[in-house]
Every structure is written in C-alpha cells, then in structure tokens.
Protein backbone atom coordinates (compact mmCIF):
# COMPACT_ATOMS: atom_id res chain seq x y z
CA MET A 1 -6.60 1.41 -5.76
CA SER A 2 -9.77 -0.47 -4.39
CA GLY A 3 -13.02 0.67 -3.46
CA SER A 4 -16.57 -0.46 -4.05
CA GLU A 5 -18.44 -0.99 -7.32
CA GLN A 6 -20.34 2.21 -6.73
CA SER A 7 -17.25 4.48 -7.02
CA LEU A 8 -16.09 3.13 -10.25
CA PRO A 9 -15.51 5.61 -12.76
CA GLU A 10 -17.42 6.15 -15.78
CA PHE A 11 -16.50 3.99 -18.54
CA GLN A 12 -16.83 4.01 -22.42
CA LEU A 13 -16.33 0.28 -23.24
CA GLU A 14 -16.51 -2.96 -21.26
CA VAL A 15 -14.71 -6.48 -21.68
CA ASP A 16 -16.09 -9.46 -19.95
CA ALA A 17 -13.22 -11.68 -19.70
CA THR A 18 -15.02 -13.91 -16.93
CA GLY A 19 -13.67 -17.43 -16.80
CA LEU A 20 -10.79 -16.53 -19.17
CA LYS A 21 -7.18 -17.13 -17.90
CA CYS A 22 -3.91 -15.27 -18.31
CA PRO A 23 -2.99 -13.94 -20.77
CA LEU A 24 -6.47 -13.51 -22.46
CA PRO A 25 -7.94 -10.83 -20.13
CA ILE A 26 -4.96 -8.76 -20.87
CA LEU A 27 -4.96 -9.52 -24.62
CA ARG A 28 -8.76 -8.68 -24.93
CA ALA A 29 -7.99 -5.37 -22.77
CA LYS A 30 -5.30 -4.27 -25.00
CA LYS A 31 -7.48 -5.03 -28.07
CA ALA A 32 -10.29 -3.08 -26.52
CA LEU A 33 -8.02 -0.12 -25.48
CA ALA A 34 -6.85 0.22 -29.09
CA GLN A 35 -10.34 1.24 -30.05
CA LEU A 36 -10.55 3.98 -27.51
CA GLU A 37 -9.34 7.61 -27.76
CA SER A 38 -6.95 9.23 -25.42
CA GLY A 39 -8.68 9.83 -21.99
CA GLN A 40 -11.27 7.22 -22.38
CA VAL A 41 -11.88 4.42 -19.82
CA LEU A 42 -12.09 0.60 -20.20
CA LYS A 43 -13.74 -1.61 -17.69
CA VAL A 44 -12.50 -5.21 -17.80
CA ILE A 45 -14.54 -8.08 -15.71
CA THR A 46 -12.31 -11.10 -15.13
CA THR A 47 -12.54 -14.13 -12.41
CA ASP A 48 -8.67 -14.81 -13.14
CA PRO A 49 -6.93 -14.47 -9.59
CA ASN A 50 -3.58 -13.67 -11.38
CA ALA A 51 -5.24 -10.50 -12.93
CA VAL A 52 -4.29 -8.22 -10.02
CA ARG A 53 -0.57 -8.19 -10.79
CA ASP A 54 -0.96 -8.82 -14.66
CA PHE A 55 -3.13 -5.49 -15.02
CA GLN A 56 -0.86 -3.60 -12.65
CA ALA A 57 2.28 -5.11 -14.98
CA PHE A 58 0.20 -4.33 -17.96
CA ALA A 59 -0.57 -0.51 -17.09
CA ARG A 60 3.08 0.12 -16.44
CA GLN A 61 4.41 -1.51 -19.37
CA THR A 62 1.86 0.32 -21.74
CA GLY A 63 1.50 3.75 -20.06
CA ASN A 64 -2.36 3.44 -19.75
CA ALA A 65 -3.40 4.31 -16.29
CA LEU A 66 -4.84 1.73 -14.01
CA VAL A 67 -7.68 3.95 -12.58
CA ALA A 68 -9.74 1.27 -10.41
CA GLN A 69 -9.14 -2.16 -9.28
CA VAL A 70 -12.09 -3.70 -7.28
CA SER A 71 -13.27 -7.11 -6.08
CA GLY A 72 -17.12 -7.60 -7.33
CA ALA A 73 -19.67 -10.49 -6.87
CA ASP A 74 -18.88 -13.88 -7.63
CA SER A 75 -15.14 -13.37 -7.15
CA ALA A 76 -15.03 -11.08 -10.29
CA LEU A 77 -12.25 -8.47 -10.57
CA HIS A 78 -13.17 -5.20 -11.98
CA PHE A 79 -10.38 -3.25 -13.63
CA MET A 80 -10.58 0.32 -15.23
CA ALA A 81 -7.90 1.53 -17.28
CA ARG A 82 -7.57 4.89 -18.99
CA ARG A 83 -6.04 5.24 -22.52
C-alpha cells in the first residue's frame, strides 16, 4: 500500500504524531479511531521509522483497514486507517 499524497483517500480526522516514538503514534491513532464512526477514515502523520510495521500490526490486531501508507515530505509517513 503506497502511492503519492495526491492519491490519499478523503479522511474525517487527522492526528499529527510527528516527533513521537512508538508506542505514542499507535496510542494516538487508537484514541482517534474510537471517535470515528464505522467506515470513516483517520489520517496519521508520523516520523517514527518503526511506524510502518507498527501500523500494519495494529491494523491486523484491531480489524481496522490500513487503506494507505505513504512517505511524505521531511521523512514523514502518512497512514490512513478505516474504522
């Protein structure tokens, strides 16, 4: 799941976890996903290089769909998860 920022799906909530290390981006994502209704999309921005595998595991364990995973500017990673 990769692509350009232009191809990211529409999202209803964004979490900026830039500068935070594991497990904080995942914890923030979990809290934010709880605020969304089924089918809505969360965007998480993080600079943690371990976030790629962390978000893949998080999606598998929670049943949320990881709909996009994109490298952005300044080494930021953008993850889109659907509740």
